[in-house]
Amino acid sequence: MNTNNSNDDKKKDKQSYLFPRSSYRGEFTPENLVFNANLQEFAQKVGYICNLETNGKMTSNEAYEQIRVLWKDLKNSMKNLGINNK
């Protein structure tokens, strides 16, 4: 039995559980697909931050700052991918 493959499978399962991906249904371009993945990751992380703040694991200010940084990163990805804000 190859335990290395088993560990890799467990990591992939954990990753897909923690950060699920939905299918992209918009107009297909490589840029749109990448931005969609970035947007899903942003939403997932914001959800975790909100839950941590709600459960008292971080302050409201810490949560706000982390979300602000994530938002800035998302805006930069949109700009770098050349996606217009229409």
C-alpha atoms as a PDB file:
ATOM      1  CA  MET A   1       0.000   0.000   0.000  1.00  0.00           C
ATOM      2  CA  ASN A   2       1.388   3.357  -1.015  1.00  0.00           C
ATOM      3  CA  THR A   3       0.827   5.681   1.945  1.00  0.00           C
ATOM      4  CA  ASN A   4       2.144   8.665   0.016  1.00  0.00           C
ATOM      5  CA  ASN A   5      -0.775   8.506  -2.435  1.00  0.00           C
ATOM      6  CA  SER A   6      -3.161   7.970   0.468  1.00  0.00           C
ATOM      7  CA  ASN A   7      -1.860  11.114   2.190  1.00  0.00           C
ATOM      8  CA  ASP A   8      -2.137  13.072  -1.064  1.00  0.00           C
ATOM      9  CA  ASP A   9      -5.742  11.914  -1.489  1.00  0.00           C
ATOM     10  CA  LYS A  10      -6.557  12.975   2.084  1.00  0.00           C
ATOM     11  CA  LYS A  11      -5.042  16.411   1.487  1.00  0.00           C
ATOM     12  CA  LYS A  12      -7.048  16.827  -1.732  1.00  0.00           C
ATOM     13  CA  ASP A  13     -10.246  15.732   0.045  1.00  0.00           C
ATOM     14  CA  LYS A  14      -9.594  18.177   2.877  1.00  0.00           C
ATOM     15  CA  GLN A  15      -8.797  20.979   0.418  1.00  0.00           C
ATOM     16  CA  SER A  16     -11.935  20.370  -1.639  1.00  0.00           C
ATOM     17  CA  TYR A  17     -14.025  20.214   1.556  1.00  0.00           C
ATOM     18  CA  LEU A  18     -12.618  23.446   2.973  1.00  0.00           C
ATOM     19  CA  PHE A  19     -12.521  25.308  -0.360  1.00  0.00           C
ATOM     20  CA  PRO A  20     -15.245  23.906  -2.612  1.00  0.00           C
ATOM     21  CA  ARG A  21     -15.375  25.127  -6.210  1.00  0.00           C
ATOM     22  CA  SER A  22     -18.504  25.663  -8.245  1.00  0.00           C
ATOM     23  CA  SER A  23     -18.661  25.384 -12.012  1.00  0.00           C
ATOM     24  CA  TYR A  24     -18.221  28.590 -13.973  1.00  0.00           C
ATOM     25  CA  ARG A  25     -21.279  29.418 -16.061  1.00  0.00           C
ATOM     26  CA  GLY A  26     -20.464  32.857 -17.477  1.00  0.00           C
ATOM     27  CA  GLU A  27     -18.860  33.925 -20.741  1.00  0.00           C
ATOM     28  CA  PHE A  28     -15.724  31.825 -21.006  1.00  0.00           C
ATOM     29  CA  THR A  29     -12.396  33.542 -21.240  1.00  0.00           C
ATOM     30  CA  PRO A  30      -9.272  32.458 -19.358  1.00  0.00           C
ATOM     31  CA  GLU A  31      -9.372  35.765 -17.471  1.00  0.00           C
ATOM     32  CA  ASN A  32     -12.998  35.296 -16.421  1.00  0.00           C
ATOM     33  CA  LEU A  33     -12.289  31.756 -15.272  1.00  0.00           C
ATOM     34  CA  VAL A  34      -9.313  32.845 -13.157  1.00  0.00           C
ATOM     35  CA  PHE A  35     -11.251  35.755 -11.683  1.00  0.00           C
ATOM     36  CA  ASN A  36     -14.156  33.451 -10.858  1.00  0.00           C
ATOM     37  CA  ALA A  37     -11.779  31.161  -8.957  1.00  0.00           C
ATOM     38  CA  ASN A  38     -10.358  34.197  -7.118  1.00  0.00           C
ATOM     39  CA  LEU A  39     -13.871  35.407  -6.305  1.00  0.00           C
ATOM     40  CA  GLN A  40     -14.885  32.006  -4.912  1.00  0.00           C
ATOM     41  CA  GLU A  41     -11.739  31.902  -2.776  1.00  0.00           C
ATOM     42  CA  PHE A  42     -12.467  35.436  -1.517  1.00  0.00           C
ATOM     43  CA  ALA A  43     -16.028  34.482  -0.562  1.00  0.00           C
ATOM     44  CA  GLN A  44     -14.878  31.329   1.212  1.00  0.00           C
ATOM     45  CA  LYS A  45     -12.230  33.179   3.229  1.00  0.00           C
ATOM     46  CA  VAL A  46     -14.658  35.960   4.154  1.00  0.00           C
ATOM     47  CA  GLY A  47     -17.043  33.308   5.440  1.00  0.00           C
ATOM     48  CA  TYR A  48     -14.335  31.786   7.632  1.00  0.00           C
ATOM     49  CA  ILE A  49     -13.295  35.192   8.955  1.00  0.00           C
ATOM     50  CA  CYS A  50     -16.910  36.076   9.786  1.00  0.00           C
ATOM     51  CA  ASN A  51     -17.349  32.789  11.616  1.00  0.00           C
ATOM     52  CA  LEU A  52     -14.140  33.334  13.606  1.00  0.00           C
ATOM     53  CA  GLU A  53     -15.283  36.825  14.576  1.00  0.00           C
ATOM     54  CA  THR A  54     -18.792  35.643  15.456  1.00  0.00           C
ATOM     55  CA  ASN A  55     -17.361  32.914  17.696  1.00  0.00           C
ATOM     56  CA  GLY A  56     -15.011  35.328  19.482  1.00  0.00           C
ATOM     57  CA  LYS A  57     -11.792  33.970  17.997  1.00  0.00           C
ATOM     58  CA  MET A  58     -10.841  37.383  16.573  1.00  0.00           C
ATOM     59  CA  THR A  59     -11.936  40.948  17.127  1.00  0.00           C
ATOM     60  CA  SER A  60     -14.175  42.876  14.773  1.00  0.00           C
ATOM     61  CA  ASN A  61     -11.245  45.110  13.873  1.00  0.00           C
ATOM     62  CA  GLU A  62      -9.039  42.112  13.019  1.00  0.00           C
ATOM     63  CA  ALA A  63     -11.821  40.648  10.888  1.00  0.00           C
ATOM     64  CA  TYR A  64     -12.356  43.966   9.124  1.00  0.00           C
ATOM     65  CA  GLU A  65      -8.641  44.353   8.375  1.00  0.00           C
ATOM     66  CA  GLN A  66      -8.320  40.818   7.026  1.00  0.00           C
ATOM     67  CA  ILE A  67     -11.380  41.252   4.799  1.00  0.00           C
ATOM     68  CA  ARG A  68     -10.086  44.644   3.632  1.00  0.00           C
ATOM     69  CA  VAL A  69      -6.790  43.040   2.550  1.00  0.00           C
ATOM     70  CA  LEU A  70      -8.652  40.236   0.773  1.00  0.00           C
ATOM     71  CA  TRP A  71     -10.851  42.788  -1.018  1.00  0.00           C
ATOM     72  CA  LYS A  72      -7.793  44.759  -2.112  1.00  0.00           C
ATOM     73  CA  ASP A  73      -6.228  41.541  -3.463  1.00  0.00           C
ATOM     74  CA  LEU A  74      -9.433  40.708  -5.349  1.00  0.00           C
ATOM     75  CA  LYS A  75      -9.581  44.181  -6.892  1.00  0.00           C
ATOM     76  CA  ASN A  76      -5.924  43.886  -7.933  1.00  0.00           C
ATOM     77  CA  SER A  77      -6.576  40.513  -9.541  1.00  0.00           C
ATOM     78  CA  MET A  78      -9.442  42.028 -11.525  1.00  0.00           C
ATOM     79  CA  LYS A  79      -7.214  44.880 -12.654  1.00  0.00           C
ATOM     80  CA  ASN A  80      -4.287  42.570 -13.509  1.00  0.00           C
ATOM     81  CA  LEU A  81      -6.575  40.278 -15.502  1.00  0.00           C
ATOM     82  CA  GLY A  82      -7.908  43.240 -17.486  1.00  0.00           C
ATOM     83  CA  ILE A  83     -11.520  42.658 -16.539  1.00  0.00           C
ATOM     84  CA  ASN A  84     -13.608  45.839 -16.893  1.00  0.00           C
ATOM     85  CA  ASN A  85     -15.891  46.935 -14.140  1.00  0.00           C
ATOM     86  CA  LYS A  86     -19.061  47.417 -16.210  1.00  0.00           C
END
